[in-house]
Amino acid sequence: MAIAIALALAAITLAVAHSGADAASPWRHAYHVPVVVAALRYGRGGVLTALAAVLLYAPFVLPALEREGPTPAVLEGLLTFALLLGVGVLSAALAGGVRRQRARYETLATVQRALDGDTPLDLAVARLRACLHARLDATVGLALENARLTARQRRFADELAEKVTAATRHVVEMDRMKSEFVAIASHELRTPLTALQGFSELLAMRQFAPAELARIAAIMRAETERLGRIVNDFLDLARLERGLAPSLRLARVDAGALIADAVEVLQRARTTHHFEVDCADGLPPLEADPDALDRVVKNLVSNAVKYSPAGSRVRVTARAQEAPPAVEITVEDEGPGIAEADRTRIFEPYYRTMAGAKAAGGAGLGLAVVKSLIDAHGGTIRADNVAPHGTRMTLILPAVP
């Protein structure tokens, strides 16, 4: 294009010379064409082309000005100089403005395409940075990258602050629950110890009939078992907090017989409730720790008795599942049920629902230990409310194929 403009200027100069080298030659107006073309193509190149045209046309105007003075033809030539320079400057300015407007619109269209649709923020910012870097300069792209990194850092800082706050709240809550646990555990231990101490003193000081001795022995046995369960819960909790699984001694276990024996022991000590046991025939054997499973059943049945009104029913069932082989054990009571907000937390150590704390005492360890024992056996446990009121604990243990 530059060569074509130069050739056009040369051709126009030759045409002016062949027309008589007149300062007012009509061919002088043709200089405007390459000037305008150069301005449209190169912007400021139009000014340079206008200067070149003036220099090429000057040998025809200036000598005439020296010879003839300011004649009308000479004045027209001088006016042509001014027009060529004015057209060059004006065309360059207009062409530059048009070019900037076009670049602006193209940039806006590219930005709109980059941000179009449901694009993730990080991807949209990356596209925008690449677009502006290509169309503007590296400084803008660097500024956008710094802004993106600053926004990400601020977001990470906010997330970290939220996590620290949540962790702090959790630690404070755990400390509070542990403090409550110490007080409750002391009370829980004192109750069976007081009973054992009192009855042992009576046995040492008085004579009792055989029937009365049997009754006192049954009470002492129940309190001793209760004390043993509390101590075992403490030991299991200590292992659980260290990240250790409960220690198990696996053997073949008849789930139906174990459930019947556990409920019979509790039924003799808890005469305020009606117990129903419904174990299906032909239950597959379990590969389980009999002592651990006995503690699980007694803990769930004891909770059902503790949190349901006197005279209500406690129902224990066992059913077989075929695929995969498993035994489903449920313990259902007629108590007030568990609030939705508490249902996901009742298996946490030390956690006690507000309604449960008001209804009965407890250290908040039983269900946490139960879940750890069930998990160690590869089983699952969940809590559900039943209509019109009550709670159903469902545990599923894998059976021997």
Protein backbone atom coordinates (compact mmCIF):
# COMPACT_ATOMS: atom_id res chain seq x y z
CA MET A 1 0.00 0.00 0.00
CA ALA A 2 2.84 2.45 0.79
CA ILE A 3 4.44 1.77 -2.62
CA ALA A 4 1.12 2.39 -4.37
CA ILE A 5 0.74 5.73 -2.57
CA ALA A 6 4.29 6.75 -3.55
CA LEU A 7 3.67 5.78 -7.19
CA ALA A 8 0.43 7.77 -7.19
CA LEU A 9 2.24 10.88 -5.90
CA ALA A 10 4.89 10.46 -8.61
CA ALA A 11 2.27 9.98 -11.32
CA ILE A 12 0.37 13.10 -10.23
CA THR A 13 3.61 15.12 -10.21
CA LEU A 14 4.39 13.95 -13.78
CA ALA A 15 0.86 14.86 -14.84
CA VAL A 16 1.30 18.38 -13.41
CA ALA A 17 4.64 18.72 -15.22
CA HIS A 18 3.22 17.55 -18.57
CA SER A 19 0.28 19.93 -18.27
CA GLY A 20 2.70 22.88 -18.50
CA ALA A 21 4.08 23.02 -14.96
CA ASP A 22 1.44 25.59 -14.14
CA ALA A 23 0.98 26.53 -10.45
CA ALA A 24 -2.79 26.34 -11.00
CA SER A 25 -2.74 23.02 -12.86
CA PRO A 26 -5.99 21.07 -12.35
CA TRP A 27 -3.92 17.99 -11.63
CA ARG A 28 -2.94 19.49 -8.24
CA HIS A 29 -6.30 18.42 -6.83
CA ALA A 30 -5.37 14.77 -7.46
CA TYR A 31 -2.86 14.97 -4.58
CA HIS A 32 -5.80 14.77 -2.17
CA VAL A 33 -6.52 11.18 -3.18
CA PRO A 34 -3.29 9.53 -1.94
CA VAL A 35 -3.36 11.82 1.13
CA VAL A 36 -6.84 10.62 2.14
CA VAL A 37 -5.98 6.97 1.32
CA ALA A 38 -2.81 7.15 3.42
CA ALA A 39 -4.73 8.72 6.32
CA LEU A 40 -7.38 5.99 6.21
CA ARG A 41 -4.78 3.23 5.98
CA TYR A 42 -2.05 4.48 8.28
CA GLY A 43 -3.58 7.30 10.36
CA ARG A 44 -0.67 9.66 10.89
CA GLY A 45 0.75 8.51 7.59
CA GLY A 46 -1.77 10.85 5.97
CA VAL A 47 0.13 13.85 7.40
CA LEU A 48 3.41 12.55 6.02
CA THR A 49 1.80 11.96 2.63
CA ALA A 50 0.42 15.51 2.68
CA LEU A 51 3.92 16.88 3.39
CA ALA A 52 5.32 14.77 0.55
CA ALA A 53 2.64 16.13 -1.82
CA VAL A 54 3.45 19.71 -0.77
CA LEU A 55 7.15 19.09 -1.38
CA LEU A 56 6.45 17.58 -4.81
CA TYR A 57 4.11 20.41 -5.81
CA ALA A 58 6.35 23.20 -4.39
CA PRO A 59 8.75 23.33 -7.42
CA PHE A 60 5.81 24.38 -9.58
CA VAL A 61 4.48 27.07 -7.17
CA LEU A 62 7.48 28.70 -5.52
CA PRO A 63 9.42 29.58 -8.73
CA ALA A 64 6.25 31.15 -10.16
CA LEU A 65 5.87 33.14 -6.92
CA GLU A 66 9.43 34.52 -7.36
CA ARG A 67 8.93 35.34 -11.04
CA GLU A 68 5.38 36.63 -11.14
CA GLY A 69 4.55 37.50 -7.55
CA PRO A 70 1.23 36.69 -5.90
CA THR A 71 -0.81 36.16 -9.04
CA PRO A 72 -4.18 34.35 -8.86
CA ALA A 73 -2.54 31.13 -10.14
CA VAL A 74 0.18 31.32 -7.49
CA LEU A 75 -2.35 32.04 -4.77
CA GLU A 76 -4.32 28.94 -5.85
CA GLY A 77 -1.13 26.89 -5.58
CA LEU A 78 -0.42 28.23 -2.08
CA LEU A 79 -4.03 27.48 -1.13
CA THR A 80 -3.47 23.94 -2.36
CA PHE A 81 -0.56 23.61 0.10
CA ALA A 82 -2.85 24.58 2.96
CA LEU A 83 -5.63 22.28 1.79
CA LEU A 84 -3.29 19.32 1.42
CA LEU A 85 -1.90 19.79 4.95
CA GLY A 86 -5.38 20.39 6.37
CA VAL A 87 -6.84 17.34 4.63
CA GLY A 88 -3.93 15.19 5.81
CA VAL A 89 -4.22 16.26 9.45
CA LEU A 90 -8.04 16.09 9.51
CA SER A 91 -8.22 12.74 7.69
CA ALA A 92 -5.61 11.25 10.03
CA ALA A 93 -7.50 12.47 13.08
CA LEU A 94 -10.84 11.15 11.79
CA ALA A 95 -9.31 7.83 10.76
CA GLY A 96 -7.63 7.45 14.18
CA GLY A 97 -10.93 8.17 15.94
CA VAL A 98 -12.77 5.66 13.80
CA ARG A 99 -10.06 3.08 14.44
CA ARG A 100 -10.26 3.65 18.20
CA GLN A 101 -14.06 3.38 18.19
CA ARG A 102 -13.90 0.17 16.18
CA ALA A 103 -11.31 -1.28 18.56
CA ARG A 104 -13.49 -0.29 21.51
CA TYR A 105 -16.57 -1.95 20.06
CA GLU A 106 -14.61 -5.07 19.14
CA THR A 107 -13.19 -5.22 22.66
CA LEU A 108 -16.65 -4.84 24.18
CA ALA A 109 -18.01 -7.57 21.90
CA THR A 110 -15.12 -9.87 22.83
CA VAL A 111 -15.65 -9.17 26.54
CA GLN A 112 -19.36 -9.90 26.17
CA ARG A 113 -18.60 -13.23 24.49
CA ALA A 114 -16.09 -14.06 27.22
CA LEU A 115 -18.65 -13.39 29.96
CA ASP A 116 -21.62 -14.87 28.12
CA GLY A 117 -23.49 -17.79 29.71
CA ASP A 118 -23.15 -19.42 33.12
CA THR A 119 -19.37 -19.25 33.17
CA PRO A 120 -17.58 -19.80 36.53
CA LEU A 121 -16.04 -16.64 37.93
CA ASP A 122 -12.42 -17.83 37.74
CA LEU A 123 -12.82 -18.91 34.11
CA ALA A 124 -14.58 -15.67 33.16
CA VAL A 125 -11.82 -13.56 34.76
CA ALA A 126 -9.15 -15.61 32.97
CA ARG A 127 -10.89 -15.09 29.62
CA LEU A 128 -11.33 -11.40 30.32
CA ARG A 129 -7.67 -11.02 31.25
CA ALA A 130 -6.55 -12.79 28.05
CA CYS A 131 -8.89 -10.62 25.96
CA LEU A 132 -7.74 -7.32 27.45
CA HIS A 133 -4.11 -8.40 27.42
CA ALA A 134 -4.34 -9.07 23.68
CA ARG A 135 -6.26 -5.89 22.84
CA LEU A 136 -4.83 -3.38 25.32
CA ASP A 137 -1.48 -3.99 26.98
CA ALA A 138 0.24 -6.19 29.54
CA THR A 139 -0.32 -3.67 32.34
CA VAL A 140 -4.11 -4.06 32.20
CA GLY A 141 -3.84 -7.84 32.13
CA LEU A 142 -1.45 -7.77 35.09
CA ALA A 143 -3.81 -5.49 37.01
CA LEU A 144 -6.71 -7.88 36.39
CA GLU A 145 -4.60 -10.86 37.45
CA ASN A 146 -3.62 -9.05 40.65
CA ALA A 147 -7.27 -8.20 41.28
CA ARG A 148 -8.27 -11.83 40.74
CA LEU A 149 -5.54 -13.09 43.09
CA THR A 150 -6.51 -10.49 45.69
CA ALA A 151 -10.17 -11.55 45.49
CA ARG A 152 -9.18 -15.21 45.81
CA GLN A 153 -6.93 -14.44 48.77
CA ARG A 154 -9.73 -12.49 50.44
CA ARG A 155 -12.13 -15.38 49.84
CA PHE A 156 -9.66 -17.90 51.27
CA ALA A 157 -9.09 -15.63 54.28
CA ASP A 158 -12.85 -15.42 54.88
CA GLU A 159 -13.22 -19.19 54.59
CA LEU A 160 -10.30 -19.73 56.96
CA ALA A 161 -11.80 -17.27 59.45
CA GLU A 162 -15.14 -19.12 59.28
CA LYS A 163 -13.42 -22.48 59.83
CA VAL A 164 -11.40 -21.12 62.75
CA THR A 165 -14.56 -19.66 64.27
CA ALA A 166 -16.43 -22.93 63.82
CA ALA A 167 -13.52 -24.91 65.29
CA THR A 168 -13.34 -22.53 68.23
CA ARG A 169 -17.06 -22.89 68.85
CA HIS A 170 -16.69 -26.67 68.63
CA VAL A 171 -13.82 -26.68 71.14
CA VAL A 172 -15.77 -24.45 73.52
CA GLU A 173 -18.81 -26.69 73.15
CA MET A 174 -16.73 -29.81 73.77
CA ASP A 175 -15.19 -28.25 76.86
CA ARG A 176 -18.63 -27.35 78.15
CA MET A 177 -19.98 -30.84 77.46
CA LYS A 178 -16.94 -32.44 79.09
CA SER A 179 -17.44 -30.30 82.19
CA GLU A 180 -21.06 -31.39 82.33
CA PHE A 181 -19.96 -34.95 81.67
CA VAL A 182 -17.64 -34.96 84.71
CA ALA A 183 -20.47 -33.81 86.95
CA ILE A 184 -22.97 -36.26 85.45
CA ALA A 185 -20.50 -39.15 85.43
CA SER A 186 -19.76 -38.57 89.11
CA HIS A 187 -23.47 -38.75 89.83
CA GLU A 188 -23.90 -41.85 87.65
CA LEU A 189 -21.10 -43.65 89.44
CA ARG A 190 -22.29 -42.57 92.87
CA THR A 191 -25.79 -44.00 92.37
CA PRO A 192 -24.87 -47.70 91.96
CA LEU A 193 -22.02 -47.39 94.48
CA THR A 194 -24.40 -45.93 97.05
CA ALA A 195 -26.87 -48.75 96.46
CA LEU A 196 -24.18 -51.42 96.73
CA GLN A 197 -22.76 -49.84 99.86
CA GLY A 198 -26.17 -49.53 101.48
CA PHE A 199 -27.28 -53.09 100.79
CA SER A 200 -23.90 -54.54 101.74
CA GLU A 201 -24.13 -52.77 105.12
CA LEU A 202 -27.64 -54.14 105.63
CA LEU A 203 -26.44 -57.66 104.83
CA ALA A 204 -23.59 -57.29 107.31
CA MET A 205 -25.79 -55.95 110.13
CA ARG A 206 -29.08 -57.86 109.79
CA GLN A 207 -30.50 -61.28 109.09
CA PHE A 208 -32.92 -61.60 106.15
CA ALA A 209 -35.30 -64.24 104.99
CA PRO A 210 -34.26 -66.19 101.86
CA ALA A 211 -36.79 -64.39 99.66
CA GLU A 212 -35.60 -60.99 100.85
CA LEU A 213 -31.98 -62.04 100.33
CA ALA A 214 -32.82 -63.06 96.76
CA ARG A 215 -34.46 -59.66 96.13
CA ILE A 216 -31.48 -57.74 97.57
CA ALA A 217 -29.07 -59.92 95.59
CA ALA A 218 -30.98 -59.18 92.37
CA ILE A 219 -30.81 -55.45 93.06
CA MET A 220 -27.12 -55.60 93.85
CA ARG A 221 -26.50 -57.63 90.71
CA ALA A 222 -28.36 -55.08 88.58
CA GLU A 223 -26.47 -52.18 90.14
CA THR A 224 -23.18 -54.03 89.68
CA GLU A 225 -23.98 -54.57 86.00
CA ARG A 226 -24.90 -50.92 85.70
CA LEU A 227 -21.60 -49.90 87.28
CA GLY A 228 -19.75 -52.24 84.94
CA ARG A 229 -21.47 -50.75 81.89
CA ILE A 230 -20.53 -47.23 82.97
CA VAL A 231 -16.89 -48.22 83.46
CA ASN A 232 -16.84 -50.03 80.11
CA ASP A 233 -18.32 -46.94 78.47
CA PHE A 234 -15.52 -44.84 79.92
CA LEU A 235 -12.90 -47.26 78.62
CA ASP A 236 -14.47 -47.43 75.17
CA LEU A 237 -14.75 -43.64 75.04
CA ALA A 238 -11.06 -43.29 75.89
CA ARG A 239 -10.19 -45.60 72.98
CA LEU A 240 -12.61 -43.76 70.71
CA GLU A 241 -11.05 -40.36 71.45
CA ARG A 242 -7.60 -41.79 70.66
CA GLY A 243 -8.89 -42.95 67.29
CA LEU A 244 -8.79 -46.64 68.23
CA ALA A 245 -11.51 -49.13 67.41
CA PRO A 246 -13.09 -51.05 70.30
CA SER A 247 -11.39 -54.31 71.17
CA LEU A 248 -13.53 -57.23 69.94
CA ARG A 249 -13.43 -60.99 70.52
CA LEU A 250 -15.41 -62.38 67.61
CA ALA A 251 -17.40 -65.59 67.79
CA ARG A 252 -20.54 -67.13 66.29
CA VAL A 253 -23.49 -65.48 68.02
CA ASP A 254 -27.18 -66.44 67.98
CA ALA A 255 -28.79 -63.00 67.80
CA GLY A 256 -32.23 -64.22 68.94
CA ALA A 257 -30.93 -65.95 72.06
CA LEU A 258 -28.67 -63.02 72.98
CA ILE A 259 -31.53 -60.51 72.64
CA ALA A 260 -33.89 -62.68 74.72
CA ASP A 261 -31.33 -63.07 77.52
CA ALA A 262 -30.47 -59.36 77.61
CA VAL A 263 -34.12 -58.27 77.72
CA GLU A 264 -34.92 -60.87 80.42
CA VAL A 265 -32.20 -59.46 82.69
CA LEU A 266 -33.49 -55.92 82.24
CA GLN A 267 -37.10 -57.00 82.60
CA ARG A 268 -36.41 -58.38 86.06
CA ALA A 269 -34.86 -55.06 87.17
CA ARG A 270 -37.29 -52.74 85.29
CA THR A 271 -40.79 -53.77 86.30
CA THR A 272 -42.36 -50.43 85.32
CA HIS A 273 -42.56 -51.20 81.57
CA HIS A 274 -44.03 -53.87 79.33
CA PHE A 275 -41.44 -55.69 77.22
CA GLU A 276 -42.14 -57.41 73.91
CA VAL A 277 -39.53 -59.54 72.14
CA ASP A 278 -40.20 -60.71 68.58
CA CYS A 279 -37.26 -62.51 66.99
CA ALA A 280 -37.91 -64.29 63.70
CA ASP A 281 -37.09 -67.98 63.42
CA GLY A 282 -34.00 -69.07 61.56
CA LEU A 283 -31.93 -65.92 62.01
CA PRO A 284 -28.49 -66.30 60.44
CA PRO A 285 -25.61 -66.38 62.94
CA LEU A 286 -23.52 -63.25 63.51
CA GLU A 287 -19.74 -63.03 63.60
CA ALA A 288 -19.64 -60.70 66.60
CA ASP A 289 -18.34 -60.07 70.08
CA PRO A 290 -21.06 -61.47 72.39
CA ASP A 291 -20.19 -59.12 75.27
CA ALA A 292 -20.16 -56.08 73.00
CA LEU A 293 -23.45 -57.02 71.36
CA ASP A 294 -24.99 -57.67 74.78
CA ARG A 295 -23.94 -54.17 75.87
CA VAL A 296 -25.42 -52.67 72.72
CA VAL A 297 -28.81 -54.32 73.22
CA LYS A 298 -28.94 -53.53 76.95
CA ASN A 299 -27.91 -49.93 76.33
CA LEU A 300 -30.64 -49.39 73.72
CA VAL A 301 -33.32 -51.13 75.83
CA SER A 302 -32.25 -49.20 78.96
CA ASN A 303 -32.53 -45.93 77.01
CA ALA A 304 -35.99 -46.93 75.80
CA VAL A 305 -37.05 -47.53 79.40
CA LYS A 306 -35.34 -44.39 80.69
CA TYR A 307 -36.94 -41.99 78.18
CA SER A 308 -40.47 -43.42 78.01
CA PRO A 309 -43.26 -43.11 80.58
CA ALA A 310 -43.98 -45.85 83.11
CA GLY A 311 -46.50 -48.39 81.91
CA SER A 312 -45.56 -47.92 78.24
CA ARG A 313 -44.32 -50.62 75.90
CA VAL A 314 -40.75 -51.38 74.84
CA ARG A 315 -40.59 -53.62 71.77
CA VAL A 316 -37.47 -55.44 70.52
CA THR A 317 -37.51 -57.23 67.15
CA ALA A 318 -34.99 -59.08 65.00
CA ARG A 319 -35.39 -59.89 61.30
CA ALA A 320 -33.13 -61.44 58.67
CA GLN A 321 -32.07 -59.64 55.51
CA GLU A 322 -31.08 -61.65 52.46
CA ALA A 323 -28.97 -59.40 50.23
CA PRO A 324 -26.48 -58.87 51.65
CA PRO A 325 -26.93 -61.33 54.54
CA ALA A 326 -27.62 -59.34 57.70
CA VAL A 327 -29.74 -59.18 60.84
CA GLU A 328 -31.86 -56.09 61.51
CA ILE A 329 -32.53 -55.39 65.20
CA THR A 330 -34.96 -52.66 66.27
CA VAL A 331 -35.71 -51.24 69.72
CA GLU A 332 -38.87 -49.17 69.83
CA ASP A 333 -40.35 -47.16 72.70
CA GLU A 334 -43.36 -44.91 73.27
CA GLY A 335 -41.47 -41.87 74.53
CA PRO A 336 -41.55 -38.29 73.22
CA GLY A 337 -39.25 -38.99 70.27
CA ILE A 338 -36.14 -37.07 69.18
CA ALA A 339 -36.17 -33.58 67.72
CA GLU A 340 -35.02 -33.29 64.13
CA ALA A 341 -32.12 -31.02 65.10
CA ASP A 342 -30.87 -33.57 67.66
CA ARG A 343 -31.21 -36.69 65.55
CA THR A 344 -27.92 -36.23 63.71
CA ARG A 345 -25.96 -35.52 66.92
CA ILE A 346 -27.24 -38.08 69.40
CA PHE A 347 -24.36 -40.44 68.55
CA GLU A 348 -21.72 -37.81 69.45
CA PRO A 349 -19.81 -38.28 72.73
CA TYR A 350 -21.15 -36.21 75.66
CA TYR A 351 -24.12 -34.94 73.61
CA ARG A 352 -27.45 -34.94 75.38
CA THR A 353 -30.70 -33.56 74.03
CA MET A 354 -32.45 -30.91 76.07
CA ALA A 355 -35.55 -33.08 76.42
CA GLY A 356 -33.44 -36.09 77.38
CA ALA A 357 -31.51 -34.14 80.02
CA LYS A 358 -34.79 -33.10 81.62
CA ALA A 359 -36.35 -36.56 81.42
CA ALA A 360 -33.51 -38.60 82.92
CA GLY A 361 -29.89 -38.50 83.95
CA GLY A 362 -27.00 -39.85 81.98
CA ALA A 363 -23.45 -39.05 80.92
CA GLY A 364 -24.19 -38.83 77.21
CA LEU A 365 -21.87 -41.74 76.40
CA GLY A 366 -24.21 -44.66 75.77
CA LEU A 367 -25.16 -44.02 72.13
CA ALA A 368 -21.63 -42.89 71.22
CA VAL A 369 -20.25 -46.18 72.54
CA VAL A 370 -23.06 -48.12 70.86
CA LYS A 371 -22.23 -46.56 67.49
CA SER A 372 -18.51 -47.24 67.90
CA LEU A 373 -19.25 -50.91 68.67
CA ILE A 374 -21.64 -51.20 65.71
CA ASP A 375 -19.11 -49.54 63.40
CA ALA A 376 -16.40 -51.93 64.62
CA HIS A 377 -18.65 -54.83 63.58
CA GLY A 378 -19.18 -53.28 60.12
CA GLY A 379 -22.81 -52.46 60.84
CA THR A 380 -24.99 -49.36 60.84
CA ILE A 381 -27.38 -47.71 63.29
CA ARG A 382 -29.96 -44.96 62.86
CA ALA A 383 -32.67 -43.27 64.91
CA ASP A 384 -36.21 -42.58 63.67
CA ASN A 385 -39.36 -41.18 65.17
CA VAL A 386 -42.49 -43.33 64.99
CA ALA A 387 -46.11 -42.21 64.90
CA PRO A 388 -47.92 -41.09 66.95
CA HIS A 389 -44.95 -40.79 69.32
CA GLY A 390 -41.85 -42.76 70.18
CA THR A 391 -38.38 -43.58 68.96
CA ARG A 392 -37.11 -46.53 66.94
CA MET A 393 -33.43 -47.46 66.98
CA THR A 394 -32.51 -49.67 64.02
CA LEU A 395 -29.19 -51.44 63.82
CA ILE A 396 -28.07 -53.73 61.01
CA LEU A 397 -25.24 -56.22 61.53
CA PRO A 398 -23.70 -58.32 58.76
CA ALA A 399 -24.44 -62.02 59.15
CA VAL A 400 -22.35 -65.07 58.33
CA PRO A 401 -23.17 -66.07 54.71
